[in-house]
Amino acid sequence: MEKIGALLKRAPVIPVLTLDGAADGVPVARALVAGGLPVLEVTLRTPGALEAVRAIAAEVSGAVVGVGTVVAPAQFAAAERAGAQFAVSPGATDALLTAAADSPLAYLPGMASVSEAMALAERGYRALKFFPAENSGGAGFLRSLRAPLPDLRFCPTGGIDAAKAVTYLMLGNVPCVGGSWPVPAAAVQAGDWQRIESLARAAASLRAADGATA
């Protein structure tokens, strides 16, 4: 559990990537790492997602690649075999938490309510994904959790763009945000890796509040 907290401190933005395979995964990852965003979440929403993870892990120096949209226990082992270093879920179930406990992958479980955050804290988790962030109360919700749940840190994801990221990163309990805006689909389709690197550099220049990683 300490490993995921350390990963969330690596950069203010974790790009959330939907990739078809190695052909787009490797150049996208290289552009993001060059721009200062080394922690990459590849969502398991496409048939080629694990192929992309495998290629990034093998070929992109400096990348810390993980998997997102983990909704089944078996996905932990599949992600580990592909070279992933962490796993992210939109929510958390007993089956997923059991699988996470048996896996070497760092794990970021998801929550969208105070009760869910408290239940995960009881299981020992101090870093949580807040999803879907914008539809679940946004930055105001996380601000309200600082006093009653001061030991928890959150990575909000869902509906966040560059402008909204600034608001979240001003909160003392938000070390980073997750989002897809540094990797526009049009730039991937056009092979415009320079555009992605530029967007990554701008995202990497954002900074969390001083208390966010305390």
Protein backbone atom coordinates (compact mmCIF):
# COMPACT_ATOMS: atom_id res chain seq x y z
CA MET A 1 0.00 0.00 0.00
CA GLU A 2 2.93 2.33 0.57
CA LYS A 3 4.05 1.77 -3.02
CA ILE A 4 0.97 3.36 -4.53
CA GLY A 5 1.37 6.43 -2.32
CA ALA A 6 4.92 6.87 -3.62
CA LEU A 7 3.76 6.52 -7.23
CA LEU A 8 1.16 9.24 -6.78
CA LYS A 9 3.93 11.64 -5.78
CA ARG A 10 5.94 11.11 -8.98
CA ALA A 11 4.00 13.64 -11.09
CA PRO A 12 0.92 15.84 -10.72
CA VAL A 13 -0.91 14.10 -13.57
CA ILE A 14 -1.31 10.42 -14.40
CA PRO A 15 -2.33 10.08 -18.06
CA VAL A 16 -5.22 7.67 -18.53
CA LEU A 17 -4.60 5.89 -21.83
CA THR A 18 -6.92 3.89 -24.06
CA LEU A 19 -4.59 2.14 -26.50
CA ASP A 20 -5.06 -0.29 -29.37
CA GLY A 21 -1.69 -1.99 -28.90
CA ALA A 22 2.07 -1.59 -29.09
CA ALA A 23 2.02 0.46 -32.31
CA ASP A 24 0.48 3.48 -30.62
CA GLY A 25 1.37 2.60 -27.01
CA VAL A 26 5.14 2.87 -27.35
CA PRO A 27 5.35 6.28 -29.09
CA VAL A 28 2.63 7.72 -26.83
CA ALA A 29 4.48 6.52 -23.74
CA ARG A 30 7.80 7.89 -25.00
CA ALA A 31 6.24 11.30 -25.63
CA LEU A 32 4.64 11.39 -22.18
CA VAL A 33 7.82 10.36 -20.38
CA ALA A 34 9.82 12.93 -22.37
CA GLY A 35 7.28 15.55 -21.30
CA GLY A 36 7.69 14.68 -17.62
CA LEU A 37 4.80 12.29 -16.98
CA PRO A 38 6.36 8.88 -16.22
CA VAL A 39 3.42 7.17 -14.46
CA LEU A 40 1.02 5.83 -17.10
CA GLU A 41 -2.33 4.12 -16.63
CA VAL A 42 -3.42 1.93 -19.55
CA THR A 43 -7.11 1.13 -19.27
CA LEU A 44 -8.17 -2.46 -19.88
CA ARG A 45 -10.93 -1.38 -22.23
CA THR A 46 -9.45 -2.57 -25.52
CA PRO A 47 -8.30 -5.98 -26.75
CA GLY A 48 -4.78 -4.64 -27.27
CA ALA A 49 -4.36 -3.02 -23.85
CA LEU A 50 -2.11 -5.70 -22.32
CA GLU A 51 -0.04 -5.82 -25.52
CA ALA A 52 0.52 -2.09 -25.12
CA VAL A 53 1.49 -2.54 -21.45
CA ARG A 54 3.94 -5.29 -22.36
CA ALA A 55 5.59 -3.17 -25.05
CA ILE A 56 5.80 -0.04 -22.90
CA ALA A 57 7.31 -1.98 -20.00
CA ALA A 58 9.92 -3.51 -22.31
CA GLU A 59 10.75 -0.59 -24.59
CA VAL A 60 10.13 2.75 -22.87
CA SER A 61 12.87 3.74 -20.47
CA GLY A 62 11.62 5.67 -17.47
CA ALA A 63 7.99 4.64 -17.84
CA VAL A 64 6.10 3.29 -14.83
CA VAL A 65 3.18 1.56 -16.50
CA GLY A 66 0.09 0.22 -14.82
CA VAL A 67 -3.42 -0.88 -15.73
CA GLY A 68 -6.75 0.79 -15.13
CA THR A 69 -10.39 -0.29 -15.25
CA VAL A 70 -9.50 -3.40 -13.26
CA VAL A 71 -12.89 -4.97 -12.48
CA ALA A 72 -12.07 -8.70 -12.19
CA PRO A 73 -9.60 -10.48 -9.87
CA ALA A 74 -7.94 -12.37 -12.75
CA GLN A 75 -6.83 -9.08 -14.28
CA PHE A 76 -4.20 -8.62 -11.55
CA ALA A 77 -2.26 -11.70 -12.65
CA ALA A 78 -2.65 -10.86 -16.35
CA ALA A 79 -1.36 -7.33 -15.75
CA GLU A 80 1.58 -8.60 -13.73
CA ARG A 81 2.57 -11.00 -16.53
CA ALA A 82 2.45 -8.09 -18.98
CA GLY A 83 4.87 -6.05 -16.88
CA ALA A 84 2.49 -3.68 -15.12
CA GLN A 85 3.64 -2.18 -11.83
CA PHE A 86 0.30 -1.00 -10.48
CA ALA A 87 -3.44 -1.49 -10.89
CA VAL A 88 -6.36 0.92 -10.61
CA SER A 89 -10.06 0.15 -10.17
CA PRO A 90 -13.09 2.41 -10.61
CA GLY A 91 -14.48 0.99 -7.36
CA ALA A 92 -13.63 -1.74 -4.87
CA THR A 93 -15.17 -5.12 -4.06
CA ASP A 94 -14.20 -7.80 -1.58
CA ALA A 95 -12.99 -10.00 -4.46
CA LEU A 96 -10.79 -7.25 -5.88
CA LEU A 97 -9.33 -6.38 -2.48
CA THR A 98 -8.53 -10.04 -1.85
CA ALA A 99 -6.83 -10.33 -5.24
CA ALA A 100 -4.91 -7.12 -4.61
CA ALA A 101 -3.65 -8.44 -1.28
CA ASP A 102 -2.25 -11.51 -3.09
CA SER A 103 -0.69 -9.47 -5.92
CA PRO A 104 2.69 -7.72 -5.99
CA LEU A 105 1.13 -4.83 -7.92
CA ALA A 106 0.61 -1.54 -6.13
CA TYR A 107 -3.14 -0.99 -5.96
CA LEU A 108 -5.30 2.14 -6.13
CA PRO A 109 -8.93 1.22 -5.32
CA GLY A 110 -11.76 3.52 -6.30
CA MET A 111 -14.39 5.25 -4.18
CA ALA A 112 -17.17 7.80 -4.64
CA SER A 113 -18.57 8.27 -1.13
CA VAL A 114 -17.48 8.92 2.44
CA SER A 115 -18.57 5.43 3.51
CA GLU A 116 -16.50 3.83 0.75
CA ALA A 117 -13.46 5.89 1.73
CA MET A 118 -13.87 4.89 5.38
CA ALA A 119 -14.28 1.21 4.49
CA LEU A 120 -11.07 1.25 2.45
CA ALA A 121 -9.26 3.10 5.22
CA GLU A 122 -10.30 0.30 7.59
CA ARG A 123 -8.58 -2.12 5.19
CA GLY A 124 -5.37 -0.10 5.45
CA TYR A 125 -5.60 1.97 2.27
CA ARG A 126 -4.47 5.58 2.53
CA ALA A 127 -4.40 6.42 -1.21
CA LEU A 128 -7.67 6.15 -3.13
CA LYS A 129 -9.00 6.92 -6.58
CA PHE A 130 -11.99 9.30 -6.53
CA PHE A 131 -14.20 8.35 -9.47
CA PRO A 132 -16.14 9.66 -11.29
CA ALA A 133 -14.78 12.85 -9.80
CA GLU A 134 -16.74 15.57 -11.56
CA ASN A 135 -20.04 13.67 -11.26
CA SER A 136 -19.48 12.79 -7.59
CA GLY A 137 -19.04 16.18 -6.01
CA GLY A 138 -15.79 17.34 -7.58
CA ALA A 139 -13.15 19.31 -5.74
CA GLY A 140 -15.65 20.55 -3.16
CA PHE A 141 -16.33 16.99 -2.03
CA LEU A 142 -12.65 16.23 -1.52
CA ARG A 143 -12.15 19.52 0.29
CA SER A 144 -14.86 18.50 2.76
CA LEU A 145 -13.03 15.24 3.54
CA ARG A 146 -9.83 16.86 4.75
CA ALA A 147 -11.04 17.42 8.33
CA PRO A 148 -12.81 14.11 9.03
CA LEU A 149 -10.37 11.93 7.04
CA PRO A 150 -7.03 13.77 7.30
CA ASP A 151 -4.82 10.74 6.60
CA LEU A 152 -6.32 9.90 3.21
CA ARG A 153 -4.99 11.05 -0.16
CA PHE A 154 -7.00 11.00 -3.38
CA CYS A 155 -6.33 10.78 -7.10
CA PRO A 156 -9.49 12.22 -8.69
CA THR A 157 -10.29 10.95 -12.18
CA GLY A 158 -13.27 11.40 -14.46
CA GLY A 159 -14.21 14.55 -16.33
CA ILE A 160 -11.00 16.39 -15.44
CA ASP A 161 -9.24 18.64 -17.94
CA ALA A 162 -6.23 20.93 -17.60
CA ALA A 163 -8.22 23.79 -16.07
CA LYS A 164 -10.05 21.60 -13.55
CA ALA A 165 -6.82 19.84 -12.62
CA VAL A 166 -5.48 23.12 -11.21
CA THR A 167 -8.43 23.36 -8.79
CA TYR A 168 -7.97 19.79 -7.56
CA LEU A 169 -4.22 20.14 -7.15
CA MET A 170 -4.73 23.11 -4.84
CA LEU A 171 -6.27 20.73 -2.28
CA GLY A 172 -4.04 19.41 0.45
CA ASN A 173 -5.30 15.84 0.07
CA VAL A 174 -4.73 15.58 -3.70
CA PRO A 175 -1.16 14.68 -4.78
CA CYS A 176 -2.18 14.08 -8.39
CA VAL A 177 -5.07 13.77 -10.80
CA GLY A 178 -5.83 11.32 -13.57
CA GLY A 179 -6.94 12.42 -17.00
CA SER A 180 -6.81 11.76 -20.72
CA TRP A 181 -6.42 15.35 -21.93
CA PRO A 182 -2.61 15.12 -22.44
CA VAL A 183 -3.27 12.45 -25.09
CA PRO A 184 -5.94 13.69 -27.53
CA ALA A 185 -7.27 10.96 -29.79
CA ALA A 186 -6.66 13.17 -32.84
CA ALA A 187 -2.97 13.51 -31.95
CA VAL A 188 -2.61 9.75 -31.59
CA GLN A 189 -4.34 9.12 -34.90
CA ALA A 190 -2.12 11.69 -36.62
CA GLY A 191 1.06 10.39 -34.98
CA ASP A 192 1.65 13.86 -33.57
CA TRP A 193 3.94 12.78 -30.75
CA GLN A 194 5.38 16.28 -30.39
CA ARG A 195 1.91 17.59 -29.55
CA ILE A 196 1.52 14.94 -26.86
CA GLU A 197 4.95 15.73 -25.43
CA SER A 198 4.04 19.43 -25.31
CA LEU A 199 0.76 18.73 -23.50
CA ALA A 200 2.59 16.42 -21.10
CA ARG A 201 5.14 19.11 -20.35
CA ALA A 202 2.37 21.58 -19.54
CA ALA A 203 0.65 19.02 -17.29
CA ALA A 204 3.91 18.17 -15.55
CA SER A 205 4.40 21.85 -14.72
CA LEU A 206 1.30 21.80 -12.52
CA ARG A 207 2.06 21.37 -8.85
CA ALA A 208 0.12 19.89 -5.98
CA ALA A 209 -0.46 21.91 -2.82
CA ASP A 210 2.31 21.66 -0.24
CA GLY A 211 0.22 19.50 2.06
CA ALA A 212 -0.89 17.08 -0.63
CA THR A 213 2.05 14.75 -0.28
CA ALA A 214 2.69 15.28 3.44
